[in-house]
C-alpha atoms as a PDB file:
ATOM      1  CA  UNK A   1      20.923  74.917 -57.657  1.00  0.00           C
ATOM      2  CA  UNK A   2      23.714  73.486 -55.497  1.00  0.00           C
ATOM      3  CA  UNK A   3      24.396  69.790 -55.688  1.00  0.00           C
ATOM      4  CA  UNK A   4      23.868  67.610 -52.656  1.00  0.00           C
ATOM      5  CA  UNK A   5      27.562  66.691 -52.604  1.00  0.00           C
ATOM      6  CA  UNK A   6      28.585  70.298 -51.947  1.00  0.00           C
ATOM      7  CA  UNK A   7      26.581  70.425 -48.680  1.00  0.00           C
ATOM      8  CA  UNK A   8      27.805  67.048 -47.405  1.00  0.00           C
ATOM      9  CA  UNK A   9      30.906  67.534 -45.252  1.00  0.00           C
ATOM     10  CA  UNK A  10      34.005  65.554 -46.154  1.00  0.00           C
ATOM     11  CA  UNK A  11      35.081  63.702 -43.046  1.00  0.00           C
ATOM     12  CA  UNK A  12      38.706  63.101 -42.148  1.00  0.00           C
ATOM     13  CA  UNK A  13      39.994  59.568 -41.694  1.00  0.00           C
ATOM     14  CA  UNK A  14      40.119  59.832 -37.900  1.00  0.00           C
ATOM     15  CA  UNK A  15      36.589  61.254 -37.753  1.00  0.00           C
ATOM     16  CA  UNK A  16      35.287  58.433 -39.972  1.00  0.00           C
ATOM     17  CA  UNK A  17      36.971  55.833 -37.736  1.00  0.00           C
ATOM     18  CA  UNK A  18      35.615  57.428 -34.584  1.00  0.00           C
ATOM     19  CA  UNK A  19      32.122  57.827 -36.071  1.00  0.00           C
ATOM     20  CA  UNK A  20      32.062  54.110 -36.944  1.00  0.00           C
ATOM     21  CA  UNK A  21      33.093  53.271 -33.375  1.00  0.00           C
ATOM     22  CA  UNK A  22      30.440  55.556 -31.850  1.00  0.00           C
ATOM     23  CA  UNK A  23      27.764  54.219 -34.224  1.00  0.00           C
ATOM     24  CA  UNK A  24      28.640  50.660 -33.120  1.00  0.00           C
ATOM     25  CA  UNK A  25      28.174  51.492 -29.431  1.00  0.00           C
ATOM     26  CA  UNK A  26      25.194  49.443 -28.188  1.00  0.00           C
ATOM     27  CA  UNK A  27      22.090  51.637 -27.872  1.00  0.00           C
ATOM     28  CA  UNK A  28      23.806  54.759 -29.258  1.00  0.00           C
ATOM     29  CA  UNK A  29      21.708  57.136 -31.331  1.00  0.00           C
ATOM     30  CA  UNK A  30      23.297  59.963 -33.356  1.00  0.00           C
ATOM     31  CA  UNK A  31      21.338  63.192 -33.688  1.00  0.00           C
ATOM     32  CA  UNK A  32      22.667  65.711 -36.242  1.00  0.00           C
ATOM     33  CA  UNK A  33      22.756  69.315 -35.023  1.00  0.00           C
ATOM     34  CA  UNK A  34      22.814  72.265 -37.400  1.00  0.00           C
ATOM     35  CA  UNK A  35      24.196  75.566 -36.132  1.00  0.00           C
ATOM     36  CA  UNK A  36      22.658  78.851 -37.213  1.00  0.00           C
ATOM     37  CA  UNK A  37      21.692  79.089 -40.867  1.00  0.00           C
ATOM     38  CA  UNK A  38      23.956  76.281 -42.068  1.00  0.00           C
ATOM     39  CA  UNK A  39      22.320  73.747 -44.349  1.00  0.00           C
ATOM     40  CA  UNK A  40      24.445  70.807 -43.224  1.00  0.00           C
ATOM     41  CA  UNK A  41      24.870  69.597 -39.638  1.00  0.00           C
ATOM     42  CA  UNK A  42      28.112  70.589 -37.936  1.00  0.00           C
ATOM     43  CA  UNK A  43      28.055  68.076 -35.081  1.00  0.00           C
ATOM     44  CA  UNK A  44      26.524  64.734 -34.192  1.00  0.00           C
ATOM     45  CA  UNK A  45      25.176  64.350 -30.654  1.00  0.00           C
ATOM     46  CA  UNK A  46      25.479  60.742 -29.461  1.00  0.00           C
ATOM     47  CA  UNK A  47      23.052  59.545 -26.808  1.00  0.00           C
ATOM     48  CA  UNK A  48      22.225  56.296 -25.043  1.00  0.00           C
ATOM     49  CA  UNK A  49      18.790  56.110 -23.444  1.00  0.00           C
ATOM     50  CA  UNK A  50      18.410  59.864 -23.949  1.00  0.00           C
ATOM     51  CA  UNK A  51      21.659  60.762 -22.141  1.00  0.00           C
ATOM     52  CA  UNK A  52      24.405  62.420 -24.152  1.00  0.00           C
ATOM     53  CA  UNK A  53      27.889  60.875 -24.007  1.00  0.00           C
ATOM     54  CA  UNK A  54      29.682  62.302 -27.076  1.00  0.00           C
ATOM     55  CA  UNK A  55      29.614  65.287 -29.426  1.00  0.00           C
ATOM     56  CA  UNK A  56      31.446  64.613 -32.692  1.00  0.00           C
ATOM     57  CA  UNK A  57      32.432  67.562 -34.892  1.00  0.00           C
ATOM     58  CA  UNK A  58      31.850  66.647 -38.546  1.00  0.00           C
ATOM     59  CA  UNK A  59      32.859  69.977 -40.108  1.00  0.00           C
ATOM     60  CA  UNK A  60      36.153  71.775 -39.643  1.00  0.00           C
ATOM     61  CA  UNK A  61      38.644  70.634 -37.012  1.00  0.00           C
ATOM     62  CA  UNK A  62      38.594  66.921 -36.209  1.00  0.00           C
ATOM     63  CA  UNK A  63      37.328  67.032 -32.631  1.00  0.00           C
ATOM     64  CA  UNK A  64      35.130  65.109 -30.209  1.00  0.00           C
ATOM     65  CA  UNK A  65      33.780  66.048 -26.785  1.00  0.00           C
ATOM     66  CA  UNK A  66      33.309  63.061 -24.469  1.00  0.00           C
ATOM     67  CA  UNK A  67      31.724  62.401 -21.114  1.00  0.00           C
ATOM     68  CA  UNK A  68      34.437  61.102 -18.832  1.00  0.00           C
ATOM     69  CA  UNK A  69      35.070  59.960 -15.269  1.00  0.00           C
ATOM     70  CA  UNK A  70      36.309  63.047 -13.333  1.00  0.00           C
ATOM     71  CA  UNK A  71      39.583  61.459 -12.146  1.00  0.00           C
ATOM     72  CA  UNK A  72      40.313  60.072 -15.606  1.00  0.00           C
ATOM     73  CA  UNK A  73      39.545  63.463 -17.177  1.00  0.00           C
ATOM     74  CA  UNK A  74      42.277  65.134 -15.100  1.00  0.00           C
ATOM     75  CA  UNK A  75      44.796  62.394 -15.938  1.00  0.00           C
ATOM     76  CA  UNK A  76      44.028  62.582 -19.675  1.00  0.00           C
ATOM     77  CA  UNK A  77      44.346  66.395 -19.714  1.00  0.00           C
ATOM     78  CA  UNK A  78      47.791  66.124 -18.117  1.00  0.00           C
ATOM     79  CA  UNK A  79      48.967  63.212 -20.254  1.00  0.00           C
ATOM     80  CA  UNK A  80      47.822  64.299 -23.739  1.00  0.00           C
ATOM     81  CA  UNK A  81      48.391  67.658 -25.395  1.00  0.00           C
ATOM     82  CA  UNK A  82      45.187  67.464 -27.453  1.00  0.00           C
ATOM     83  CA  UNK A  83      42.887  66.813 -24.489  1.00  0.00           C
ATOM     84  CA  UNK A  84      41.304  69.815 -22.833  1.00  0.00           C
ATOM     85  CA  UNK A  85      38.051  71.628 -22.283  1.00  0.00           C
ATOM     86  CA  UNK A  86      36.329  73.508 -25.086  1.00  0.00           C
ATOM     87  CA  UNK A  87      32.670  74.000 -24.371  1.00  0.00           C
ATOM     88  CA  UNK A  88      30.075  75.188 -21.901  1.00  0.00           C
ATOM     89  CA  UNK A  89      29.722  71.669 -20.473  1.00  0.00           C
ATOM     90  CA  UNK A  90      30.918  70.949 -16.934  1.00  0.00           C
ATOM     91  CA  UNK A  91      34.690  70.520 -17.166  1.00  0.00           C
ATOM     92  CA  UNK A  92      34.675  67.924 -14.377  1.00  0.00           C
ATOM     93  CA  UNK A  93      32.799  65.434 -16.568  1.00  0.00           C
ATOM     94  CA  UNK A  94      33.505  66.489 -20.172  1.00  0.00           C
ATOM     95  CA  UNK A  95      36.755  66.575 -22.153  1.00  0.00           C
ATOM     96  CA  UNK A  96      37.517  67.795 -25.638  1.00  0.00           C
ATOM     97  CA  UNK A  97      39.839  65.653 -27.761  1.00  0.00           C
ATOM     98  CA  UNK A  98      41.528  67.205 -30.800  1.00  0.00           C
ATOM     99  CA  UNK A  99      42.058  64.222 -33.105  1.00  0.00           C
ATOM    100  CA  UNK A 100      44.856  66.026 -34.971  1.00  0.00           C
ATOM    101  CA  UNK A 101      46.934  66.753 -31.853  1.00  0.00           C
ATOM    102  CA  UNK A 102      50.276  64.968 -31.447  1.00  0.00           C
ATOM    103  CA  UNK A 103      50.271  62.072 -29.019  1.00  0.00           C
ATOM    104  CA  UNK A 104      53.250  60.857 -27.022  1.00  0.00           C
ATOM    105  CA  UNK A 105      54.708  57.512 -28.078  1.00  0.00           C
ATOM    106  CA  UNK A 106      53.537  54.525 -26.012  1.00  0.00           C
ATOM    107  CA  UNK A 107      55.839  53.502 -23.154  1.00  0.00           C
ATOM    108  CA  UNK A 108      58.463  50.936 -24.159  1.00  0.00           C
ATOM    109  CA  UNK A 109      57.620  48.667 -21.213  1.00  0.00           C
ATOM    110  CA  UNK A 110      53.914  48.289 -22.009  1.00  0.00           C
ATOM    111  CA  UNK A 111      52.748  45.036 -23.531  1.00  0.00           C
ATOM    112  CA  UNK A 112      49.353  44.622 -25.251  1.00  0.00           C
ATOM    113  CA  UNK A 113      47.968  42.332 -22.516  1.00  0.00           C
ATOM    114  CA  UNK A 114      48.794  44.692 -19.643  1.00  0.00           C
ATOM    115  CA  UNK A 115      46.299  47.366 -20.670  1.00  0.00           C
ATOM    116  CA  UNK A 116      43.323  44.979 -20.754  1.00  0.00           C
ATOM    117  CA  UNK A 117      44.057  43.760 -17.218  1.00  0.00           C
ATOM    118  CA  UNK A 118      44.005  47.270 -15.720  1.00  0.00           C
ATOM    119  CA  UNK A 119      40.749  48.408 -17.364  1.00  0.00           C
ATOM    120  CA  UNK A 120      37.758  48.526 -15.073  1.00  0.00           C
ATOM    121  CA  UNK A 121      34.145  47.984 -16.043  1.00  0.00           C
ATOM    122  CA  UNK A 122      32.417  51.279 -16.769  1.00  0.00           C
ATOM    123  CA  UNK A 123      28.860  52.267 -15.969  1.00  0.00           C
ATOM    124  CA  UNK A 124      28.176  54.085 -19.233  1.00  0.00           C
ATOM    125  CA  UNK A 125      29.697  54.258 -22.734  1.00  0.00           C
ATOM    126  CA  UNK A 126      31.212  57.689 -22.012  1.00  0.00           C
ATOM    127  CA  UNK A 127      33.125  56.678 -18.909  1.00  0.00           C
ATOM    128  CA  UNK A 128      36.026  54.866 -20.563  1.00  0.00           C
ATOM    129  CA  UNK A 129      35.389  55.851 -24.169  1.00  0.00           C
ATOM    130  CA  UNK A 130      37.647  58.889 -23.790  1.00  0.00           C
ATOM    131  CA  UNK A 131      40.817  56.854 -23.492  1.00  0.00           C
ATOM    132  CA  UNK A 132      39.658  54.426 -26.221  1.00  0.00           C
ATOM    133  CA  UNK A 133      39.156  57.387 -28.573  1.00  0.00           C
ATOM    134  CA  UNK A 134      42.678  58.629 -27.967  1.00  0.00           C
ATOM    135  CA  UNK A 135      44.147  55.165 -28.529  1.00  0.00           C
ATOM    136  CA  UNK A 136      41.964  54.616 -31.610  1.00  0.00           C
ATOM    137  CA  UNK A 137      42.939  57.976 -33.114  1.00  0.00           C
ATOM    138  CA  UNK A 138      46.581  57.132 -32.516  1.00  0.00           C
ATOM    139  CA  UNK A 139      46.281  53.741 -34.209  1.00  0.00           C
ATOM    140  CA  UNK A 140      44.518  55.167 -37.272  1.00  0.00           C
ATOM    141  CA  UNK A 141      47.183  57.801 -37.907  1.00  0.00           C
ATOM    142  CA  UNK A 142      50.442  57.007 -39.660  1.00  0.00           C
ATOM    143  CA  UNK A 143      53.525  57.178 -37.461  1.00  0.00           C
ATOM    144  CA  UNK A 144      55.773  60.124 -38.172  1.00  0.00           C
ATOM    145  CA  UNK A 145      59.465  59.464 -37.927  1.00  0.00           C
ATOM    146  CA  UNK A 146      61.790  62.398 -37.146  1.00  0.00           C
END
């Protein structure tokens, strides 16, 4: 008989950080989804008031699919190598973020207070969570020096 620990996926540090952030989102409910004959869930579907805003992969590649403002989705795909489209969901509103992908260094002219002033109020957790996820993943990873 297999132990329970062998069926529980080991989450990477970035996935754990992101999961904690998604779990703390007001009104968010995580629903585990098992694919095929697997005994352990492979993704967590995050919903607020029954509407999905994030799909977090908890087995394999550290990845999250997020609902995103269409204009912001295009900007993020151009700006970050690890942002793209990976599923059957409408690419205008959904982006896939590979948490292991390299991210460009922050611009030298940016100051911490500038970012907060430019952020607009979103209508749902998924609208601006995409950029927060990228920034959060970047802050939880150690900087690599060449």
